[in-house]
Every structure is written in C-alpha cells, then in structure tokens.
Amino acid sequence: MTGINEKGAVLISSLIFLLILTLMATTSIKVSILDETMSANIKDKNLAFQAAESALRSGESWMDAQILVPENDNYRIYALDSFDALDRSWWWPNHSNIDEDNEGIATNMQLVNKDPRYAVEQKSFIKDSLRVGHEPPAGQYIHRVTAFGVGGTENTFSLLQSTFTKRYNE
C-alpha cells in the first residue's frame, strides 16, 4: 500500500516546474517577436535612407549636368527656404501637374512606398574677386540639394541635404 502517506508534493512541484517552463517559453516568444520587429524597422529605416541618398545623388548629378545657371522654376529649382522640407504634402501633392516631366523624382526604386524626390535651392553666389565692372562677375554658385526618401512604409522617412558648388558658363 503505497501512497497513503504521500501528500502530493511531486504533483505540486511538477506543476510549478511546468509553470516556470511556460513563463520561459512565452518570454522567449515575446523577445523573438520584439527582435523581429526591431530588425524590420531597421531595414525600413535603411531603405528610406538609401532612397533619400539616391535622390540626393540624382539632384547633384542633375546640377552637375547644367551648363548655364538654372532658373527658379518651382519644379526643381527653388528660392532658399521657400518650402518646408518636412511637409510630406509638399513632396507628394494631390495634383499631378508637378510630375509631368518627372522633375525632381530621383529614380524608380523597388520596395519603397513612394519614389524618392529632390529639390534644389539657390543659396548664394561667391565672387572670385572684389573688382567692379560692366561684365558679370566670375564666381561660384552655391546650391542646397534636399532629398526626401520613404521606406517600405509611409511612416519611415529620411531627409538628407548637401551643399553643391558649381561654376557655370555665362
């Protein structure tokens, strides 16, 4: 006759052990889900940065290809501080007339929510000398290139700026 004096200690200790194993398993699942979410966010952030960098390089390449000083046209060249770079509705307006010639659109990229864009602002002109005369002064034009890229989701974006200096034929 075994078991008459047993009080169920093995049952209680095995239930406690099972509870501890269950807690450890749920914690490891939560940690795994959190790690996967963080890695997806990092991938999305990197995608937005690459899109903005692509747009920045496209804007700089476009500026480098210009022979004459580009004029403000409100499609690609703007006056300094004439737009809010963080305003998404400025980059992707509801009307489509801005996109007629794909002006300011960098490149069609895979996996991004929207195509990256760039805008160029005329910043200043630096004369080579202080001589005054009737000829236009020789010097360098300074432009600020601003690029906006979106990642795989619309909530992730990257904004980059560079300063571009060029001497034009006049």
C-alpha atoms as a PDB file:
ATOM      1  CA  MET A   1       0.000   0.000   0.000  1.00  0.00           C
ATOM      2  CA  THR A   2       1.963   2.862  -1.239  1.00  0.00           C
ATOM      3  CA  GLY A   3       0.696   6.393  -1.446  1.00  0.00           C
ATOM      4  CA  ILE A   4      -1.229   6.502   1.780  1.00  0.00           C
ATOM      5  CA  ASN A   5       1.218   8.875   3.416  1.00  0.00           C
ATOM      6  CA  GLU A   6       2.008  10.872   0.263  1.00  0.00           C
ATOM      7  CA  LYS A   7       0.767  14.465   0.321  1.00  0.00           C
ATOM      8  CA  GLY A   8       1.055  15.277  -3.452  1.00  0.00           C
ATOM      9  CA  ALA A   9       4.448  17.017  -3.266  1.00  0.00           C
ATOM     10  CA  VAL A  10       5.535  15.593  -6.616  1.00  0.00           C
ATOM     11  CA  LEU A  11       2.361  16.868  -8.270  1.00  0.00           C
ATOM     12  CA  ILE A  12       2.786  20.365  -6.853  1.00  0.00           C
ATOM     13  CA  SER A  13       6.490  20.547  -7.711  1.00  0.00           C
ATOM     14  CA  SER A  14       5.839  19.317 -11.282  1.00  0.00           C
ATOM     15  CA  LEU A  15       3.057  21.921 -11.734  1.00  0.00           C
ATOM     16  CA  ILE A  16       5.407  24.666 -10.515  1.00  0.00           C
ATOM     17  CA  PHE A  17       8.110  23.401 -12.875  1.00  0.00           C
ATOM     18  CA  LEU A  18       5.584  23.364 -15.754  1.00  0.00           C
ATOM     19  CA  LEU A  19       4.528  26.939 -14.888  1.00  0.00           C
ATOM     20  CA  ILE A  20       8.157  28.086 -14.943  1.00  0.00           C
ATOM     21  CA  LEU A  21       8.718  26.424 -18.327  1.00  0.00           C
ATOM     22  CA  THR A  22       5.565  28.071 -19.705  1.00  0.00           C
ATOM     23  CA  LEU A  23       6.702  31.507 -18.497  1.00  0.00           C
ATOM     24  CA  MET A  24      10.128  30.992 -20.029  1.00  0.00           C
ATOM     25  CA  ALA A  25       8.600  29.920 -23.351  1.00  0.00           C
ATOM     26  CA  THR A  26       6.222  32.896 -23.546  1.00  0.00           C
ATOM     27  CA  THR A  27       9.036  35.279 -22.623  1.00  0.00           C
ATOM     28  CA  SER A  28      11.299  33.867 -25.337  1.00  0.00           C
ATOM     29  CA  ILE A  29       8.467  34.184 -27.884  1.00  0.00           C
ATOM     30  CA  LYS A  30       7.906  37.824 -26.899  1.00  0.00           C
ATOM     31  CA  VAL A  31      11.640  38.538 -27.162  1.00  0.00           C
ATOM     32  CA  SER A  32      11.754  36.850 -30.561  1.00  0.00           C
ATOM     33  CA  ILE A  33       8.801  38.915 -31.817  1.00  0.00           C
ATOM     34  CA  LEU A  34      10.417  42.097 -30.485  1.00  0.00           C
ATOM     35  CA  ASP A  35      13.713  41.246 -32.214  1.00  0.00           C
ATOM     36  CA  GLU A  36      11.922  40.608 -35.495  1.00  0.00           C
ATOM     37  CA  THR A  37      10.044  43.917 -35.228  1.00  0.00           C
ATOM     38  CA  MET A  38      13.247  45.802 -34.483  1.00  0.00           C
ATOM     39  CA  SER A  39      15.062  44.244 -37.426  1.00  0.00           C
ATOM     40  CA  ALA A  40      12.139  45.081 -39.740  1.00  0.00           C
ATOM     41  CA  ASN A  41      12.217  48.707 -38.520  1.00  0.00           C
ATOM     42  CA  ILE A  42      15.973  48.911 -39.083  1.00  0.00           C
ATOM     43  CA  LYS A  43      15.539  47.503 -42.597  1.00  0.00           C
ATOM     44  CA  ASP A  44      12.793  50.057 -43.288  1.00  0.00           C
ATOM     45  CA  LYS A  45      14.960  52.883 -41.941  1.00  0.00           C
ATOM     46  CA  ASN A  46      17.886  51.798 -44.123  1.00  0.00           C
ATOM     47  CA  LEU A  47      15.601  51.582 -47.148  1.00  0.00           C
ATOM     48  CA  ALA A  48      14.380  55.149 -46.541  1.00  0.00           C
ATOM     49  CA  PHE A  49      17.976  56.347 -46.149  1.00  0.00           C
ATOM     50  CA  GLN A  50      19.047  54.635 -49.385  1.00  0.00           C
ATOM     51  CA  ALA A  51      16.077  56.175 -51.209  1.00  0.00           C
ATOM     52  CA  ALA A  52      16.962  59.656 -49.927  1.00  0.00           C
ATOM     53  CA  GLU A  53      20.617  59.147 -50.785  1.00  0.00           C
ATOM     54  CA  SER A  54      19.643  58.067 -54.300  1.00  0.00           C
ATOM     55  CA  ALA A  55      17.554  61.215 -54.681  1.00  0.00           C
ATOM     56  CA  LEU A  56      20.401  63.349 -53.333  1.00  0.00           C
ATOM     57  CA  ARG A  57      22.840  61.873 -55.865  1.00  0.00           C
ATOM     58  CA  SER A  58      20.304  62.362 -58.665  1.00  0.00           C
ATOM     59  CA  GLY A  59      19.898  66.017 -57.713  1.00  0.00           C
ATOM     60  CA  GLU A  60      23.636  66.560 -57.585  1.00  0.00           C
ATOM     61  CA  SER A  61      24.087  64.797 -60.943  1.00  0.00           C
ATOM     62  CA  TRP A  62      21.385  66.968 -62.473  1.00  0.00           C
ATOM     63  CA  MET A  63      23.095  70.099 -61.132  1.00  0.00           C
ATOM     64  CA  ASP A  64      26.447  68.902 -62.426  1.00  0.00           C
ATOM     65  CA  ALA A  65      24.977  68.425 -65.913  1.00  0.00           C
ATOM     66  CA  GLN A  66      23.736  72.036 -66.109  1.00  0.00           C
ATOM     67  CA  ILE A  67      25.836  74.337 -68.283  1.00  0.00           C
ATOM     68  CA  LEU A  68      24.071  77.606 -67.504  1.00  0.00           C
ATOM     69  CA  VAL A  69      22.782  78.804 -64.144  1.00  0.00           C
ATOM     70  CA  PRO A  70      19.379  77.141 -63.678  1.00  0.00           C
ATOM     71  CA  GLU A  71      16.446  79.478 -63.050  1.00  0.00           C
ATOM     72  CA  ASN A  72      13.880  79.170 -60.280  1.00  0.00           C
ATOM     73  CA  ASP A  73      11.054  77.206 -61.873  1.00  0.00           C
ATOM     74  CA  ASN A  74       9.263  75.769 -58.808  1.00  0.00           C
ATOM     75  CA  TYR A  75       9.585  72.284 -60.246  1.00  0.00           C
ATOM     76  CA  ARG A  76      13.195  71.537 -59.396  1.00  0.00           C
ATOM     77  CA  ILE A  77      14.890  74.861 -58.526  1.00  0.00           C
ATOM     78  CA  TYR A  78      13.537  76.950 -55.656  1.00  0.00           C
ATOM     79  CA  ALA A  79      14.441  80.086 -53.762  1.00  0.00           C
ATOM     80  CA  LEU A  80      16.215  79.474 -50.462  1.00  0.00           C
ATOM     81  CA  ASP A  81      13.875  78.358 -47.653  1.00  0.00           C
ATOM     82  CA  SER A  82      10.819  78.608 -49.911  1.00  0.00           C
ATOM     83  CA  PHE A  83       9.413  75.236 -48.826  1.00  0.00           C
ATOM     84  CA  ASP A  84       9.087  73.123 -45.705  1.00  0.00           C
ATOM     85  CA  ALA A  85      11.194  70.020 -46.262  1.00  0.00           C
ATOM     86  CA  LEU A  86       9.319  68.059 -43.583  1.00  0.00           C
ATOM     87  CA  ASP A  87       5.897  68.710 -45.138  1.00  0.00           C
ATOM     88  CA  ARG A  88       5.029  65.498 -46.966  1.00  0.00           C
ATOM     89  CA  SER A  89       2.207  67.138 -48.907  1.00  0.00           C
ATOM     90  CA  TRP A  90       4.807  69.419 -50.497  1.00  0.00           C
ATOM     91  CA  TRP A  91       6.831  66.430 -51.749  1.00  0.00           C
ATOM     92  CA  TRP A  92       3.785  64.456 -52.939  1.00  0.00           C
ATOM     93  CA  PRO A  93       0.992  66.911 -53.763  1.00  0.00           C
ATOM     94  CA  ASN A  94      -2.511  65.746 -54.594  1.00  0.00           C
ATOM     95  CA  HIS A  95      -2.392  67.348 -58.037  1.00  0.00           C
ATOM     96  CA  SER A  96      -0.333  65.678 -60.730  1.00  0.00           C
ATOM     97  CA  ASN A  97       0.870  68.630 -62.812  1.00  0.00           C
ATOM     98  CA  ILE A  98       4.216  68.733 -60.995  1.00  0.00           C
ATOM     99  CA  ASP A  99       5.076  65.242 -62.208  1.00  0.00           C
ATOM    100  CA  GLU A 100       4.619  65.952 -65.932  1.00  0.00           C
ATOM    101  CA  ASP A 101       8.304  65.533 -66.755  1.00  0.00           C
ATOM    102  CA  ASN A 102       9.242  63.577 -63.630  1.00  0.00           C
ATOM    103  CA  GLU A 103      11.074  66.658 -62.436  1.00  0.00           C
ATOM    104  CA  GLY A 104      12.555  66.173 -59.011  1.00  0.00           C
ATOM    105  CA  ILE A 105      11.850  62.437 -58.952  1.00  0.00           C
ATOM    106  CA  ALA A 106      15.099  60.605 -58.432  1.00  0.00           C
ATOM    107  CA  THR A 107      14.596  57.090 -59.654  1.00  0.00           C
ATOM    108  CA  ASN A 108      12.066  54.318 -59.511  1.00  0.00           C
ATOM    109  CA  MET A 109      13.123  52.169 -56.595  1.00  0.00           C
ATOM    110  CA  GLN A 110      11.843  48.763 -55.588  1.00  0.00           C
ATOM    111  CA  LEU A 111      10.320  48.140 -52.152  1.00  0.00           C
ATOM    112  CA  VAL A 112       9.745  51.813 -51.276  1.00  0.00           C
ATOM    113  CA  ASN A 113       6.306  53.230 -50.596  1.00  0.00           C
ATOM    114  CA  LYS A 114       6.881  56.318 -52.780  1.00  0.00           C
ATOM    115  CA  ASP A 115       9.581  57.331 -55.239  1.00  0.00           C
ATOM    116  CA  PRO A 116      12.335  59.469 -53.688  1.00  0.00           C
ATOM    117  CA  ARG A 117      12.440  63.141 -54.670  1.00  0.00           C
ATOM    118  CA  TYR A 118      14.842  66.034 -54.575  1.00  0.00           C
ATOM    119  CA  ALA A 119      14.677  69.804 -54.733  1.00  0.00           C
ATOM    120  CA  VAL A 120      17.480  72.314 -55.284  1.00  0.00           C
ATOM    121  CA  GLU A 121      17.578  75.702 -53.598  1.00  0.00           C
ATOM    122  CA  GLN A 122      19.689  78.589 -54.843  1.00  0.00           C
ATOM    123  CA  LYS A 123      21.681  79.571 -51.808  1.00  0.00           C
ATOM    124  CA  SER A 124      24.275  82.191 -52.723  1.00  0.00           C
ATOM    125  CA  PHE A 125      26.925  83.399 -55.149  1.00  0.00           C
ATOM    126  CA  ILE A 126      30.579  83.843 -54.200  1.00  0.00           C
ATOM    127  CA  LYS A 127      32.561  86.232 -56.361  1.00  0.00           C
ATOM    128  CA  ASP A 128      36.131  85.370 -57.255  1.00  0.00           C
ATOM    129  CA  SER A 129      37.277  88.951 -56.724  1.00  0.00           C
ATOM    130  CA  LEU A 130      36.010  92.277 -55.481  1.00  0.00           C
ATOM    131  CA  ARG A 131      36.559  94.051 -58.812  1.00  0.00           C
ATOM    132  CA  VAL A 132      33.646  96.077 -60.077  1.00  0.00           C
ATOM    133  CA  GLY A 133      32.992  96.374 -63.791  1.00  0.00           C
ATOM    134  CA  HIS A 134      30.442  96.027 -66.524  1.00  0.00           C
ATOM    135  CA  GLU A 135      30.904  92.308 -67.016  1.00  0.00           C
ATOM    136  CA  PRO A 136      29.063  89.781 -64.901  1.00  0.00           C
ATOM    137  CA  PRO A 137      31.312  88.789 -62.031  1.00  0.00           C
ATOM    138  CA  ALA A 138      33.012  85.420 -62.177  1.00  0.00           C
ATOM    139  CA  GLY A 139      32.441  83.117 -59.268  1.00  0.00           C
ATOM    140  CA  GLN A 140      30.744  80.054 -57.893  1.00  0.00           C
ATOM    141  CA  TYR A 141      27.080  79.412 -57.212  1.00  0.00           C
ATOM    142  CA  ILE A 142      26.153  77.549 -54.077  1.00  0.00           C
ATOM    143  CA  HIS A 143      23.025  75.407 -54.036  1.00  0.00           C
ATOM    144  CA  ARG A 144      21.443  73.287 -51.340  1.00  0.00           C
ATOM    145  CA  VAL A 145      20.140  69.917 -52.555  1.00  0.00           C
ATOM    146  CA  THR A 146      17.432  68.425 -50.345  1.00  0.00           C
ATOM    147  CA  ALA A 147      16.278  64.831 -50.783  1.00  0.00           C
ATOM    148  CA  PHE A 148      13.323  63.043 -49.244  1.00  0.00           C
ATOM    149  CA  GLY A 149      13.018  59.270 -49.233  1.00  0.00           C
ATOM    150  CA  VAL A 150      10.347  56.986 -47.811  1.00  0.00           C
ATOM    151  CA  GLY A 151      10.926  53.417 -46.734  1.00  0.00           C
ATOM    152  CA  GLY A 152       8.674  50.423 -47.176  1.00  0.00           C
ATOM    153  CA  THR A 153       6.033  52.066 -45.011  1.00  0.00           C
ATOM    154  CA  GLU A 154       4.866  55.659 -45.220  1.00  0.00           C
ATOM    155  CA  ASN A 155       5.799  56.248 -41.565  1.00  0.00           C
ATOM    156  CA  THR A 156       9.522  55.830 -42.177  1.00  0.00           C
ATOM    157  CA  PHE A 157      11.289  58.629 -43.994  1.00  0.00           C
ATOM    158  CA  SER A 158      14.739  60.100 -44.367  1.00  0.00           C
ATOM    159  CA  LEU A 159      15.645  63.675 -45.226  1.00  0.00           C
ATOM    160  CA  LEU A 160      19.149  64.480 -46.485  1.00  0.00           C
ATOM    161  CA  GLN A 161      20.774  67.735 -47.580  1.00  0.00           C
ATOM    162  CA  SER A 162      24.021  68.587 -49.266  1.00  0.00           C
ATOM    163  CA  THR A 163      25.705  71.759 -50.406  1.00  0.00           C
ATOM    164  CA  PHE A 164      26.622  71.842 -54.072  1.00  0.00           C
ATOM    165  CA  THR A 165      29.055  74.398 -55.514  1.00  0.00           C
ATOM    166  CA  LYS A 166      29.479  74.953 -59.233  1.00  0.00           C
ATOM    167  CA  ARG A 167      30.963  77.416 -61.679  1.00  0.00           C
ATOM    168  CA  TYR A 168      28.680  77.869 -64.714  1.00  0.00           C
ATOM    169  CA  ASN A 169      29.389  79.107 -68.251  1.00  0.00           C
ATOM    170  CA  GLU A 170      27.864  82.534 -68.678  1.00  0.00           C
END
